[in-house]
């Protein structure tokens, strides 16, 4: 089976990759929105997907989209239609917004739909990421998530901190509502790992981003 895996380089899509990699040949697909306020796609540190594809030694297909709600979904569908794939995989956990739209693309193109994380316990997923991945938080935009979370590695302590914020404010624990975004620097399937050398943090009122400015790809022993 040839699988198009939708990814921005974040924890959920990379975890989904690890779940489906054994089932077929993977092509990474990244939507590149023109607007930072895209409803469907992440935009922070998208320049890192090239490095991630290199570390995974997998092909990467980029699709330019407008970032306009619904129109960007049609643009993604058009971009995927040019690929020779049998299925599309996404990292949706509980977001029906994402799930329904990717599912519709699959229906329109006659492709199988894969959502290996769908319905799973969000705390369990975060703990799996903390145990097996080197992932950092690169964007926060929700009540309770302050500047201290930017650049923070998702480890056991970070998971507990996110749980406290979610309990206090009601944010989505996994960040599926855009509360926070992540970047995976290393994972079991990476042939090389990414080491961040320089990060620029930008904070504006109640939200902020951590932009990777310099990094290296290091061979794994």
N, C-alpha and C. Protein backbone atom coordinates (compact mmCIF):
# COMPACT_ATOMS: atom_id res chain seq x y z
N UNK A 1 0.83 -1.19 0.00
CA UNK A 1 0.00 0.00 0.00
C UNK A 1 0.88 1.26 0.00
N UNK A 2 0.51 2.22 -0.82
CA UNK A 2 1.22 3.49 -0.86
C UNK A 2 0.39 4.52 -0.08
N UNK A 3 1.03 5.12 0.93
CA UNK A 3 0.31 5.98 1.87
C UNK A 3 0.85 7.40 1.83
N UNK A 4 -0.07 8.36 1.68
CA UNK A 4 0.29 9.77 1.80
C UNK A 4 0.03 10.17 3.24
N UNK A 5 1.08 10.54 3.97
CA UNK A 5 0.94 10.88 5.37
C UNK A 5 0.99 12.39 5.54
N UNK A 6 -0.10 12.97 6.00
CA UNK A 6 -0.18 14.42 6.19
C UNK A 6 0.60 14.80 7.44
N UNK A 7 1.57 15.69 7.31
CA UNK A 7 2.37 16.06 8.46
C UNK A 7 2.85 17.50 8.39
N UNK A 8 2.94 18.11 9.56
CA UNK A 8 3.59 19.41 9.70
C UNK A 8 4.88 19.26 10.50
N UNK A 9 5.20 17.99 10.84
CA UNK A 9 6.37 17.73 11.66
C UNK A 9 6.05 17.65 13.14
N UNK A 10 4.75 17.69 13.47
CA UNK A 10 4.32 17.65 14.86
C UNK A 10 4.15 16.25 15.41
N UNK A 11 3.91 16.15 16.71
CA UNK A 11 3.88 14.88 17.42
C UNK A 11 2.80 13.91 16.92
N UNK A 12 1.61 14.42 16.63
CA UNK A 12 0.51 13.52 16.28
C UNK A 12 0.72 12.84 14.93
N UNK A 13 1.12 13.61 13.93
CA UNK A 13 1.33 13.01 12.61
C UNK A 13 2.55 12.10 12.60
N UNK A 14 3.59 12.45 13.35
CA UNK A 14 4.77 11.58 13.39
C UNK A 14 4.47 10.30 14.16
N UNK A 15 3.63 10.39 15.19
CA UNK A 15 3.20 9.17 15.89
C UNK A 15 2.34 8.31 14.96
N UNK A 16 1.46 8.96 14.19
CA UNK A 16 0.65 8.22 13.22
C UNK A 16 1.53 7.51 12.21
N UNK A 17 2.60 8.18 11.79
CA UNK A 17 3.56 7.57 10.87
C UNK A 17 4.12 6.27 11.45
N UNK A 18 4.48 6.31 12.71
CA UNK A 18 5.05 5.11 13.36
C UNK A 18 4.03 3.98 13.44
N UNK A 19 2.75 4.33 13.49
CA UNK A 19 1.71 3.31 13.57
C UNK A 19 1.45 2.64 12.23
N UNK A 20 1.62 3.38 11.13
CA UNK A 20 1.24 2.83 9.82
C UNK A 20 2.42 2.46 8.93
N UNK A 21 3.64 2.80 9.35
CA UNK A 21 4.81 2.60 8.49
C UNK A 21 4.96 1.15 8.04
N UNK A 22 4.58 0.23 8.89
CA UNK A 22 4.75 -1.20 8.57
C UNK A 22 3.75 -1.68 7.52
N UNK A 23 2.75 -0.86 7.22
CA UNK A 23 1.70 -1.29 6.31
C UNK A 23 1.96 -0.91 4.85
N UNK A 24 2.99 -0.09 4.60
CA UNK A 24 3.21 0.28 3.22
C UNK A 24 4.31 1.30 3.01
N UNK A 25 4.32 1.84 1.82
CA UNK A 25 5.32 2.82 1.39
C UNK A 25 4.80 4.23 1.66
N UNK A 26 5.57 5.00 2.42
CA UNK A 26 5.11 6.30 2.89
C UNK A 26 5.66 7.45 2.05
N UNK A 27 4.78 8.39 1.71
CA UNK A 27 5.18 9.69 1.18
C UNK A 27 4.66 10.76 2.14
N UNK A 28 5.55 11.59 2.63
CA UNK A 28 5.12 12.68 3.49
C UNK A 28 4.49 13.79 2.66
N UNK A 29 3.37 14.32 3.13
CA UNK A 29 2.68 15.40 2.43
C UNK A 29 2.48 16.55 3.40
N UNK A 30 2.96 17.72 3.02
CA UNK A 30 2.84 18.90 3.87
C UNK A 30 2.15 20.02 3.12
N UNK A 31 1.08 20.54 3.70
CA UNK A 31 0.41 21.71 3.13
C UNK A 31 1.14 22.96 3.60
N UNK A 32 1.39 23.86 2.68
CA UNK A 32 2.08 25.11 2.99
C UNK A 32 1.10 26.27 2.79
N UNK A 33 0.46 26.72 3.87
CA UNK A 33 -0.55 27.79 3.74
C UNK A 33 0.09 29.15 3.49
N UNK A 34 -0.59 29.97 2.72
CA UNK A 34 -0.15 31.34 2.49
C UNK A 34 -0.43 32.21 3.71
N UNK A 35 -1.44 31.82 4.51
CA UNK A 35 -1.84 32.60 5.67
C UNK A 35 -1.48 31.86 6.96
N UNK A 36 -1.05 32.62 7.96
CA UNK A 36 -0.68 32.02 9.24
C UNK A 36 -1.90 31.58 10.03
N UNK A 37 -3.10 32.11 9.68
CA UNK A 37 -4.31 31.78 10.44
C UNK A 37 -5.13 30.70 9.75
N UNK A 38 -4.46 29.78 9.07
CA UNK A 38 -5.15 28.66 8.42
C UNK A 38 -5.99 27.90 9.44
N UNK A 39 -7.21 27.51 9.05
CA UNK A 39 -8.09 26.74 9.92
C UNK A 39 -7.63 25.29 10.03
N UNK A 40 -7.03 24.78 9.00
CA UNK A 40 -6.78 23.35 8.86
C UNK A 40 -5.35 22.95 9.16
N UNK A 41 -4.39 23.85 8.85
CA UNK A 41 -2.99 23.43 8.86
C UNK A 41 -2.12 24.29 9.77
N UNK A 42 -1.13 23.64 10.36
CA UNK A 42 -0.14 24.36 11.16
C UNK A 42 0.81 25.11 10.23
N UNK A 43 1.39 26.19 10.74
CA UNK A 43 2.29 26.99 9.91
C UNK A 43 3.65 27.24 10.56
N UNK A 44 3.78 27.02 11.85
CA UNK A 44 5.01 27.35 12.56
C UNK A 44 6.11 26.32 12.26
N UNK A 45 7.26 26.79 11.84
CA UNK A 45 8.44 25.94 11.55
C UNK A 45 8.22 24.92 10.44
N UNK A 46 7.39 25.27 9.47
CA UNK A 46 7.19 24.35 8.36
C UNK A 46 8.47 24.14 7.54
N UNK A 47 9.42 25.07 7.68
CA UNK A 47 10.68 24.89 6.96
C UNK A 47 11.45 23.67 7.48
N UNK A 48 11.03 23.13 8.63
CA UNK A 48 11.72 21.99 9.22
C UNK A 48 11.27 20.65 8.64
N UNK A 49 10.20 20.65 7.86
CA UNK A 49 9.73 19.36 7.31
C UNK A 49 10.75 18.76 6.35
N UNK A 50 11.53 19.59 5.68
CA UNK A 50 12.57 19.07 4.79
C UNK A 50 13.61 18.29 5.59
N UNK A 51 14.00 18.83 6.73
CA UNK A 51 14.97 18.16 7.59
C UNK A 51 14.39 16.87 8.15
N UNK A 52 13.11 16.91 8.51
CA UNK A 52 12.45 15.71 9.05
C UNK A 52 12.38 14.62 7.99
N UNK A 53 12.01 15.00 6.77
CA UNK A 53 11.96 14.02 5.67
C UNK A 53 13.33 13.42 5.43
N UNK A 54 14.36 14.26 5.51
CA UNK A 54 15.73 13.79 5.33
C UNK A 54 16.12 12.80 6.44
N UNK A 55 15.76 13.13 7.67
CA UNK A 55 16.09 12.25 8.80
C UNK A 55 15.33 10.92 8.71
N UNK A 56 14.13 10.97 8.17
CA UNK A 56 13.34 9.75 8.00
C UNK A 56 13.71 8.99 6.73
N UNK A 57 14.40 9.69 5.83
CA UNK A 57 14.73 9.14 4.51
C UNK A 57 13.46 8.74 3.76
N UNK A 58 12.50 9.68 3.76
CA UNK A 58 11.23 9.48 3.07
C UNK A 58 10.99 10.63 2.11
N UNK A 59 10.29 10.38 1.00
CA UNK A 59 9.98 11.46 0.06
C UNK A 59 9.00 12.45 0.68
N UNK A 60 9.13 13.72 0.28
CA UNK A 60 8.26 14.77 0.78
C UNK A 60 7.61 15.49 -0.39
N UNK A 61 6.30 15.66 -0.30
CA UNK A 61 5.54 16.38 -1.32
C UNK A 61 4.86 17.58 -0.65
N UNK A 62 5.20 18.78 -1.11
CA UNK A 62 4.61 19.99 -0.54
C UNK A 62 3.48 20.49 -1.44
N UNK A 63 2.41 20.93 -0.79
CA UNK A 63 1.26 21.44 -1.53
C UNK A 63 0.95 22.85 -1.04
N UNK A 64 1.04 23.82 -1.92
CA UNK A 64 0.72 25.20 -1.56
C UNK A 64 -0.80 25.37 -1.46
N UNK A 65 -1.26 25.94 -0.35
CA UNK A 65 -2.69 26.19 -0.17
C UNK A 65 -2.88 27.64 0.27
N UNK A 66 -4.07 28.14 0.07
CA UNK A 66 -4.35 29.55 0.33
C UNK A 66 -4.44 29.86 1.82
N UNK A 67 -4.85 28.89 2.61
CA UNK A 67 -5.09 29.15 4.03
C UNK A 67 -6.50 29.63 4.30
N UNK A 68 -7.31 29.75 3.25
CA UNK A 68 -8.70 30.17 3.38
C UNK A 68 -9.56 28.96 3.72
N UNK A 69 -10.42 29.10 4.72
CA UNK A 69 -11.23 27.98 5.20
C UNK A 69 -12.00 27.32 4.05
N UNK A 70 -11.97 25.99 4.02
CA UNK A 70 -12.60 25.11 3.03
C UNK A 70 -11.90 25.16 1.68
N UNK A 71 -11.56 26.34 1.19
CA UNK A 71 -10.83 26.43 -0.07
C UNK A 71 -9.51 25.68 0.03
N UNK A 72 -8.83 25.80 1.19
CA UNK A 72 -7.55 25.12 1.37
C UNK A 72 -7.69 23.60 1.36
N UNK A 73 -8.86 23.11 1.75
CA UNK A 73 -9.10 21.66 1.73
C UNK A 73 -9.20 21.17 0.28
N UNK A 74 -9.90 21.94 -0.54
CA UNK A 74 -10.00 21.62 -1.97
C UNK A 74 -8.62 21.65 -2.62
N UNK A 75 -7.81 22.61 -2.22
CA UNK A 75 -6.47 22.73 -2.78
C UNK A 75 -5.60 21.55 -2.37
N UNK A 76 -5.77 21.10 -1.13
CA UNK A 76 -5.05 19.91 -0.68
C UNK A 76 -5.48 18.69 -1.50
N UNK A 77 -6.77 18.56 -1.71
CA UNK A 77 -7.29 17.44 -2.49
C UNK A 77 -6.71 17.43 -3.90
N UNK A 78 -6.67 18.59 -4.51
CA UNK A 78 -6.12 18.69 -5.87
C UNK A 78 -4.66 18.28 -5.88
N UNK A 79 -3.90 18.71 -4.86
CA UNK A 79 -2.49 18.37 -4.79
C UNK A 79 -2.26 16.88 -4.60
N UNK A 80 -3.08 16.27 -3.76
CA UNK A 80 -2.93 14.83 -3.50
C UNK A 80 -3.35 14.01 -4.71
N UNK A 81 -4.28 14.54 -5.49
CA UNK A 81 -4.79 13.79 -6.66
C UNK A 81 -3.69 13.48 -7.67
N UNK A 82 -2.60 14.22 -7.61
CA UNK A 82 -1.50 14.00 -8.56
C UNK A 82 -0.54 12.90 -8.07
N UNK A 83 -0.74 12.44 -6.86
CA UNK A 83 0.14 11.41 -6.30
C UNK A 83 -0.40 10.01 -6.57
N UNK A 84 0.49 9.08 -6.75
CA UNK A 84 0.09 7.68 -6.92
C UNK A 84 0.09 7.01 -5.55
N UNK A 85 -1.02 7.17 -4.85
CA UNK A 85 -1.15 6.59 -3.52
C UNK A 85 -2.47 5.84 -3.39
N UNK A 86 -2.53 4.98 -2.39
CA UNK A 86 -3.74 4.19 -2.15
C UNK A 86 -4.51 4.67 -0.93
N UNK A 87 -3.84 5.45 -0.07
CA UNK A 87 -4.46 5.86 1.18
C UNK A 87 -3.89 7.19 1.65
N UNK A 88 -4.66 7.87 2.50
CA UNK A 88 -4.19 9.08 3.18
C UNK A 88 -4.27 8.82 4.67
N UNK A 89 -3.23 9.22 5.38
CA UNK A 89 -3.18 9.05 6.83
C UNK A 89 -3.03 10.41 7.49
N UNK A 90 -3.78 10.63 8.57
CA UNK A 90 -3.63 11.85 9.34
C UNK A 90 -3.54 11.52 10.83
N UNK A 91 -3.08 12.48 11.61
CA UNK A 91 -2.86 12.24 13.03
C UNK A 91 -3.99 12.72 13.92
N UNK A 92 -5.19 12.82 13.38
CA UNK A 92 -6.33 13.28 14.18
C UNK A 92 -6.57 12.36 15.36
N UNK A 93 -6.83 12.97 16.52
CA UNK A 93 -7.12 12.20 17.73
C UNK A 93 -8.59 12.37 18.13
N UNK A 94 -9.02 13.63 18.19
CA UNK A 94 -10.40 13.89 18.59
C UNK A 94 -11.04 15.02 17.79
N UNK A 95 -10.29 15.58 16.85
CA UNK A 95 -10.79 16.72 16.08
C UNK A 95 -11.61 16.25 14.89
N UNK A 96 -12.92 16.34 15.01
CA UNK A 96 -13.78 15.94 13.91
C UNK A 96 -13.64 16.88 12.73
N UNK A 97 -13.23 18.13 13.00
CA UNK A 97 -13.02 19.10 11.91
C UNK A 97 -11.99 18.55 10.93
N UNK A 98 -10.86 18.13 11.44
CA UNK A 98 -9.80 17.59 10.58
C UNK A 98 -10.21 16.24 9.99
N UNK A 99 -10.75 15.38 10.84
CA UNK A 99 -11.08 14.03 10.42
C UNK A 99 -12.07 14.02 9.25
N UNK A 100 -13.15 14.77 9.39
CA UNK A 100 -14.20 14.75 8.37
C UNK A 100 -13.70 15.27 7.03
N UNK A 101 -12.83 16.26 7.06
CA UNK A 101 -12.35 16.84 5.81
C UNK A 101 -11.37 15.93 5.09
N UNK A 102 -10.48 15.30 5.84
CA UNK A 102 -9.56 14.36 5.20
C UNK A 102 -10.33 13.13 4.71
N UNK A 103 -11.31 12.72 5.49
CA UNK A 103 -12.14 11.57 5.10
C UNK A 103 -12.88 11.86 3.80
N UNK A 104 -13.37 13.10 3.66
CA UNK A 104 -14.07 13.49 2.43
C UNK A 104 -13.14 13.50 1.24
N UNK A 105 -11.89 13.97 1.44
CA UNK A 105 -10.91 13.94 0.37
C UNK A 105 -10.69 12.52 -0.10
N UNK A 106 -10.57 11.60 0.85
CA UNK A 106 -10.37 10.19 0.51
C UNK A 106 -11.54 9.64 -0.29
N UNK A 107 -12.74 10.00 0.13
CA UNK A 107 -13.94 9.54 -0.57
C UNK A 107 -13.97 10.07 -2.00
N UNK A 108 -13.65 11.35 -2.16
CA UNK A 108 -13.66 11.97 -3.49
C UNK A 108 -12.62 11.36 -4.42
N UNK A 109 -11.47 10.96 -3.86
CA UNK A 109 -10.37 10.44 -4.67
C UNK A 109 -10.35 8.91 -4.73
N UNK A 110 -11.27 8.29 -4.01
CA UNK A 110 -11.32 6.83 -4.00
C UNK A 110 -10.15 6.20 -3.26
N UNK A 111 -9.72 6.85 -2.17
CA UNK A 111 -8.57 6.37 -1.41
C UNK A 111 -9.01 5.87 -0.03
N UNK A 112 -8.21 4.99 0.54
CA UNK A 112 -8.47 4.52 1.89
C UNK A 112 -8.09 5.60 2.90
N UNK A 113 -8.85 5.68 3.98
CA UNK A 113 -8.58 6.69 5.01
C UNK A 113 -8.03 6.02 6.25
N UNK A 114 -6.88 6.54 6.74
CA UNK A 114 -6.24 5.98 7.92
C UNK A 114 -6.13 7.06 8.99
N UNK A 115 -6.64 6.76 10.17
CA UNK A 115 -6.54 7.67 11.32
C UNK A 115 -6.20 6.81 12.54
N UNK A 116 -4.95 6.35 12.64
CA UNK A 116 -4.58 5.37 13.65
C UNK A 116 -4.66 5.86 15.09
N UNK A 117 -4.73 7.18 15.31
CA UNK A 117 -4.79 7.70 16.67
C UNK A 117 -6.21 8.06 17.10
N UNK A 118 -7.15 7.95 16.19
CA UNK A 118 -8.49 8.45 16.44
C UNK A 118 -9.13 7.77 17.66
N UNK A 119 -9.63 8.58 18.56
CA UNK A 119 -10.34 8.07 19.72
C UNK A 119 -9.47 7.61 20.87
N UNK A 120 -8.16 7.66 20.72
CA UNK A 120 -7.28 7.21 21.78
C UNK A 120 -7.23 8.22 22.92
N UNK A 121 -6.91 7.75 24.11
CA UNK A 121 -6.79 8.60 25.28
C UNK A 121 -5.65 9.60 25.07
N UNK A 122 -5.94 10.88 25.24
CA UNK A 122 -4.96 11.91 24.93
C UNK A 122 -3.78 11.90 25.89
N UNK A 123 -4.03 11.61 27.14
CA UNK A 123 -2.91 11.53 28.10
C UNK A 123 -1.99 10.37 27.75
N UNK A 124 -2.57 9.27 27.34
CA UNK A 124 -1.77 8.11 26.93
C UNK A 124 -0.88 8.45 25.75
N UNK A 125 -1.43 9.18 24.78
CA UNK A 125 -0.66 9.58 23.61
C UNK A 125 0.49 10.50 24.01
N UNK A 126 0.21 11.47 24.87
CA UNK A 126 1.27 12.39 25.31
C UNK A 126 2.38 11.64 26.04
N UNK A 127 2.00 10.68 26.85
CA UNK A 127 3.01 9.91 27.58
C UNK A 127 3.84 9.05 26.64
N UNK A 128 3.21 8.54 25.57
CA UNK A 128 3.95 7.77 24.56
C UNK A 128 4.95 8.67 23.84
N UNK A 129 4.52 9.89 23.52
CA UNK A 129 5.42 10.87 22.89
C UNK A 129 6.58 11.20 23.83
N UNK A 130 6.27 11.44 25.09
CA UNK A 130 7.30 11.78 26.07
C UNK A 130 8.33 10.67 26.22
N UNK A 131 7.87 9.44 26.13
CA UNK A 131 8.75 8.29 26.32
C UNK A 131 9.62 8.02 25.10
N UNK A 132 9.04 8.15 23.90
CA UNK A 132 9.71 7.67 22.69
C UNK A 132 10.23 8.74 21.74
N UNK A 133 9.75 9.98 21.87
CA UNK A 133 10.12 11.04 20.94
C UNK A 133 10.92 12.13 21.66
N UNK A 134 11.67 12.87 20.87
CA UNK A 134 12.22 14.14 21.32
C UNK A 134 11.41 15.20 20.60
N UNK A 135 10.41 15.74 21.28
CA UNK A 135 9.50 16.72 20.68
C UNK A 135 9.44 17.96 21.56
N UNK A 136 9.38 19.12 20.92
CA UNK A 136 9.32 20.38 21.66
C UNK A 136 8.08 21.17 21.26
N UNK A 137 7.63 22.02 22.17
CA UNK A 137 6.50 22.91 21.90
C UNK A 137 7.01 24.16 21.20
N UNK A 138 6.43 24.46 20.04
CA UNK A 138 6.92 25.59 19.24
C UNK A 138 5.89 26.70 19.07
N UNK A 139 4.70 26.49 19.60
CA UNK A 139 3.67 27.53 19.51
C UNK A 139 2.67 27.33 20.64
N UNK A 140 2.26 28.42 21.27
CA UNK A 140 1.19 28.36 22.27
C UNK A 140 0.22 29.51 22.02
N UNK A 141 -1.07 29.23 22.17
CA UNK A 141 -2.07 30.27 21.94
C UNK A 141 -3.35 29.93 22.68
N UNK A 142 -3.22 29.73 23.99
CA UNK A 142 -4.39 29.40 24.80
C UNK A 142 -4.18 29.87 26.23
N UNK A 143 -5.26 30.14 26.91
CA UNK A 143 -5.21 30.55 28.30
C UNK A 143 -4.49 29.50 29.14
N UNK A 144 -3.56 29.94 29.96
CA UNK A 144 -2.84 29.02 30.83
C UNK A 144 -1.51 28.58 30.27
N UNK A 145 -1.30 28.77 28.98
CA UNK A 145 -0.03 28.42 28.35
C UNK A 145 0.77 29.70 28.14
N UNK A 146 1.78 29.90 28.97
CA UNK A 146 2.55 31.13 28.89
C UNK A 146 3.87 30.92 28.16
N UNK A 147 4.70 31.94 28.18
CA UNK A 147 5.95 31.92 27.42
C UNK A 147 6.90 30.82 27.87
N UNK A 148 6.74 30.34 29.09
CA UNK A 148 7.65 29.31 29.60
C UNK A 148 7.48 27.98 28.87
N UNK A 149 6.35 27.80 28.20
CA UNK A 149 6.12 26.55 27.47
C UNK A 149 6.85 26.54 26.12
N UNK A 150 7.22 27.70 25.60
CA UNK A 150 7.87 27.76 24.30
C UNK A 150 9.24 27.09 24.35
N UNK A 151 9.46 26.15 23.45
CA UNK A 151 10.72 25.44 23.40
C UNK A 151 10.83 24.30 24.39
N UNK A 152 9.79 24.12 25.22
CA UNK A 152 9.84 23.08 26.24
C UNK A 152 9.72 21.69 25.62
N UNK A 153 10.56 20.78 26.10
CA UNK A 153 10.50 19.40 25.63
C UNK A 153 9.31 18.70 26.27
N UNK A 154 8.61 17.89 25.48
CA UNK A 154 7.50 17.13 26.02
C UNK A 154 8.05 15.90 26.73
N UNK A 155 8.26 16.05 28.02
CA UNK A 155 8.69 14.94 28.88
C UNK A 155 7.59 14.71 29.91
N UNK A 156 7.86 13.85 30.89
CA UNK A 156 6.83 13.52 31.88
C UNK A 156 6.37 14.75 32.65
N UNK A 157 7.31 15.62 33.02
CA UNK A 157 6.94 16.83 33.75
C UNK A 157 6.07 17.75 32.91
N UNK A 158 6.43 17.88 31.63
CA UNK A 158 5.65 18.73 30.73
C UNK A 158 4.23 18.20 30.59
N UNK A 159 4.08 16.88 30.50
CA UNK A 159 2.75 16.27 30.40
C UNK A 159 1.93 16.63 31.63
N UNK A 160 2.55 16.54 32.80
CA UNK A 160 1.84 16.87 34.04
C UNK A 160 1.46 18.35 34.05
N UNK A 161 2.35 19.21 33.57
CA UNK A 161 2.05 20.64 33.50
C UNK A 161 0.87 20.91 32.56
N UNK A 162 0.86 20.23 31.42
CA UNK A 162 -0.24 20.39 30.46
C UNK A 162 -1.55 19.89 31.05
N UNK A 163 -1.50 18.81 31.82
CA UNK A 163 -2.70 18.27 32.46
C UNK A 163 -3.28 19.28 33.45
N UNK A 164 -2.39 19.95 34.21
CA UNK A 164 -2.85 20.95 35.18
C UNK A 164 -3.53 22.12 34.47
N UNK A 165 -2.93 22.57 33.36
CA UNK A 165 -3.52 23.67 32.60
C UNK A 165 -4.86 23.26 32.01
N UNK A 166 -4.93 22.05 31.47
CA UNK A 166 -6.17 21.55 30.86
C UNK A 166 -7.28 21.44 31.90
N UNK A 167 -6.93 20.99 33.09
CA UNK A 167 -7.92 20.85 34.16
C UNK A 167 -8.42 22.21 34.61
N UNK A 168 -7.52 23.18 34.64
CA UNK A 168 -7.86 24.51 35.12
C UNK A 168 -8.62 25.34 34.10
N UNK A 169 -8.26 25.20 32.83
CA UNK A 169 -8.82 26.08 31.80
C UNK A 169 -9.72 25.37 30.78
N UNK A 170 -9.63 24.05 30.71
CA UNK A 170 -10.47 23.31 29.76
C UNK A 170 -9.91 23.21 28.36
N UNK A 171 -8.62 23.55 28.17
CA UNK A 171 -8.02 23.42 26.84
C UNK A 171 -7.90 21.95 26.47
N UNK A 172 -7.77 21.69 25.18
CA UNK A 172 -7.57 20.33 24.70
C UNK A 172 -6.18 19.86 25.11
N UNK A 173 -6.10 18.74 25.82
CA UNK A 173 -4.83 18.27 26.37
C UNK A 173 -3.80 18.01 25.28
N UNK A 174 -4.25 17.49 24.14
CA UNK A 174 -3.33 17.16 23.05
C UNK A 174 -3.04 18.35 22.14
N UNK A 175 -3.71 19.47 22.39
CA UNK A 175 -3.47 20.67 21.58
C UNK A 175 -4.12 20.64 20.22
N UNK A 176 -5.15 19.82 20.06
CA UNK A 176 -5.76 19.68 18.73
C UNK A 176 -6.56 20.90 18.29
N UNK A 177 -6.88 21.75 19.24
CA UNK A 177 -7.61 22.96 18.87
C UNK A 177 -6.68 24.11 18.55
N UNK A 178 -5.39 23.80 18.38
CA UNK A 178 -4.41 24.84 18.09
C UNK A 178 -3.86 25.49 19.33
N UNK A 179 -4.18 24.92 20.52
CA UNK A 179 -3.70 25.48 21.78
C UNK A 179 -2.18 25.51 21.83
N UNK A 180 -1.57 24.49 21.27
CA UNK A 180 -0.11 24.48 21.14
C UNK A 180 0.27 23.59 19.96
N UNK A 181 1.45 23.85 19.42
CA UNK A 181 1.96 23.06 18.30
C UNK A 181 3.34 22.53 18.68
N UNK A 182 3.71 21.43 18.05
CA UNK A 182 4.97 20.77 18.41
C UNK A 182 5.83 20.49 17.19
N UNK A 183 7.07 20.13 17.47
CA UNK A 183 8.02 19.76 16.43
C UNK A 183 8.81 18.55 16.93
N UNK A 184 8.84 17.49 16.13
CA UNK A 184 9.54 16.26 16.54
C UNK A 184 10.96 16.29 15.99
N UNK A 185 11.92 16.29 16.91
CA UNK A 185 13.33 16.35 16.54
C UNK A 185 13.97 14.97 16.39
N UNK A 186 13.39 14.00 17.06
CA UNK A 186 13.91 12.63 16.97
C UNK A 186 12.80 11.67 17.33
N UNK A 187 12.86 10.49 16.72
CA UNK A 187 11.87 9.43 16.95
C UNK A 187 12.50 8.12 16.48
N UNK A 188 11.93 6.99 16.88
CA UNK A 188 12.53 5.70 16.52
C UNK A 188 12.81 5.50 15.04
N UNK A 189 11.96 6.04 14.16
CA UNK A 189 12.15 5.83 12.72
C UNK A 189 13.11 6.83 12.09
N UNK A 190 13.53 7.85 12.84
CA UNK A 190 14.51 8.79 12.31
C UNK A 190 15.87 8.09 12.16
N UNK A 191 16.48 8.25 11.00
CA UNK A 191 17.83 7.71 10.80
C UNK A 191 18.88 8.68 11.35
N UNK A 192 18.51 9.95 11.39
CA UNK A 192 19.34 10.99 11.99
C UNK A 192 18.44 11.82 12.90
N UNK A 193 19.03 12.48 13.88
CA UNK A 193 18.24 13.30 14.78
C UNK A 193 18.56 14.78 14.54
N UNK A 194 17.61 15.61 14.88
CA UNK A 194 17.78 17.05 14.71
C UNK A 194 18.18 17.67 16.05
N UNK A 195 19.22 18.44 16.03
CA UNK A 195 19.67 19.15 17.22
C UNK A 195 19.50 20.65 16.96
N UNK A 196 18.67 21.28 17.75
CA UNK A 196 18.41 22.72 17.59
C UNK A 196 19.54 23.51 18.21
N UNK A 197 20.10 24.43 17.44
CA UNK A 197 21.21 25.26 17.90
C UNK A 197 20.78 26.68 18.27
N UNK A 198 19.75 27.18 17.62
CA UNK A 198 19.29 28.54 17.91
C UNK A 198 17.78 28.63 17.70
N UNK A 199 17.11 29.21 18.68
CA UNK A 199 15.66 29.40 18.61
C UNK A 199 15.34 30.87 18.89
N UNK A 200 14.45 31.42 18.11
CA UNK A 200 13.98 32.79 18.35
C UNK A 200 12.55 32.72 18.89
N UNK A 201 12.37 33.21 20.12
CA UNK A 201 11.04 33.21 20.72
C UNK A 201 10.38 34.57 20.51
N UNK A 202 9.14 34.51 20.05
CA UNK A 202 8.37 35.74 19.84
C UNK A 202 7.07 35.63 20.65
N UNK A 203 6.82 36.64 21.46
CA UNK A 203 5.62 36.63 22.30
C UNK A 203 4.81 37.89 22.07
N UNK A 204 3.50 37.71 21.89
CA UNK A 204 2.61 38.85 21.65
C UNK A 204 1.33 38.67 22.45
N UNK A 205 1.22 39.40 23.54
CA UNK A 205 0.04 39.42 24.40
C UNK A 205 -0.24 38.04 25.02
N UNK A 206 -1.00 37.19 24.35
CA UNK A 206 -1.39 35.90 24.94
C UNK A 206 -0.92 34.71 24.11
N UNK A 207 -0.06 34.94 23.15
CA UNK A 207 0.39 33.84 22.30
C UNK A 207 1.84 34.06 21.88
N UNK A 208 2.47 32.97 21.46
CA UNK A 208 3.86 33.09 21.04
C UNK A 208 4.32 31.90 20.24
N UNK A 209 5.49 32.07 19.62
CA UNK A 209 6.08 30.99 18.81
C UNK A 209 7.56 30.88 19.13
N UNK A 210 8.09 29.71 18.91
CA UNK A 210 9.53 29.47 19.01
C UNK A 210 9.99 29.02 17.63
N UNK A 211 10.71 29.88 16.94
CA UNK A 211 11.13 29.62 15.57
C UNK A 211 12.55 29.06 15.56
N UNK A 212 12.72 27.92 14.92
CA UNK A 212 14.04 27.32 14.82
C UNK A 212 14.85 28.07 13.77
N UNK A 213 15.95 28.66 14.19
CA UNK A 213 16.78 29.44 13.30
C UNK A 213 18.00 28.66 12.80
N UNK A 214 18.58 27.86 13.69
CA UNK A 214 19.74 27.06 13.32
C UNK A 214 19.60 25.66 13.91
N UNK A 215 20.01 24.68 13.14
CA UNK A 215 19.93 23.30 13.61
C UNK A 215 20.95 22.45 12.87
N UNK A 216 21.18 21.27 13.40
CA UNK A 216 22.05 20.29 12.75
C UNK A 216 21.34 18.94 12.71
N UNK A 217 21.68 18.17 11.68
CA UNK A 217 21.22 16.79 11.62
C UNK A 217 22.38 15.89 12.00
N UNK A 218 22.20 15.11 13.04
CA UNK A 218 23.28 14.30 13.61
C UNK A 218 23.01 12.82 13.38
N UNK A 219 24.02 12.11 12.95
CA UNK A 219 23.89 10.66 12.78
C UNK A 219 23.63 10.00 14.12
N UNK A 220 22.74 9.03 14.14
CA UNK A 220 22.42 8.31 15.37
C UNK A 220 23.36 7.11 15.51
N UNK A 221 23.85 6.90 16.72
CA UNK A 221 24.79 5.80 16.97
C UNK A 221 24.04 4.47 17.03
